[in-house]
Amino acid sequence: MNNDLKYKILPRLLNELANLSWQERLLHLKKYHDKKIIFSTSFGYEDQAITHVIGTNNLPIEIFTLDTGRLFEETYKTFELTTKAYPQLAIKTYYPQAEPLQALIQKQGINGFYESVEKRQACCYVRKVEGLKRALKGSDLWISGLRRQQSQDRSNLPIAEYDDGLNVIKVYPLIDVLLDDLVTYVVANKIPYNTLHDKGFISIGCSPCTRAVKSGDRFRSERWWWEQDTKKECGLHVKDGKLVRTMVSVDD
């Protein structure tokens, strides 16, 4: 555990970011240039908006993405367009480790994740979570595009929190931003976006595990739709089966 991150930096961030716009929150992080700041993108509306602010303001923030090997072609196209739009950014890609992936497929089959939550979580771990741990190694602040509107489990998330398991402060600049406002921003600034959004996809993950949202469906209901549990996460933001939430008040 990094006590400075948890008990000094986190309370400062909670206080400093509270009344800023989401763009100002990102710009404010320049004050922490002595810290390693990293941003994870999956090229959805949220991440494209954040990437635009980072790229157009030359913020000292590293960007990475996780290529699970089963992404939509539209996602790869968005990746390509993003690198062309912001050539100054070097988006690092992390892939699944070959041997664990081969072992997983040998054990449960290429599409075994449909058979149970446990098998799906095992697939998510090998294809995403393990790579995330490698990507975050040595980082102090991790910027994520989570928003409270996305799911009930995310509805009470703070602007920032400390993740004991990963030893990093997670910062959510978009936490209180609505989807409609994000879309307006992306369109107004001519930011490349995943065209699957135009086909009813809101949260876009792996191709076998994501489908378009039907009218009246909840956010993220298109992810792992065959599972009945409403608390559906891939593991990137989960510890011991729950969203990681270590709350520290500004008075601590």
Foldseek 3Di string as FASTA:
>chain_A
DDCCLAPPVVLVLLVPLVPDALLVSQVVCLVVLVFAAEEEDQFALLRLLVLVSCQVVVRNYAYEYFDLVQFDPLSVVLVVVQCVVRVVHDYHYFFFDPPLVVVLCVVQNPPNCLVDVVNLLSSLCRRPVVRVLVVCPRGAEYEYQAELQQAVQLVPAGQWAAFPVSRYIYGHSCHHPDPVVSVVSCVVVVGRGRCVVVVQWRDGDGPVFADHDDPPDGRPCRGNVSDPDRPDDNPNQDDPRGGDGDDDHSVD
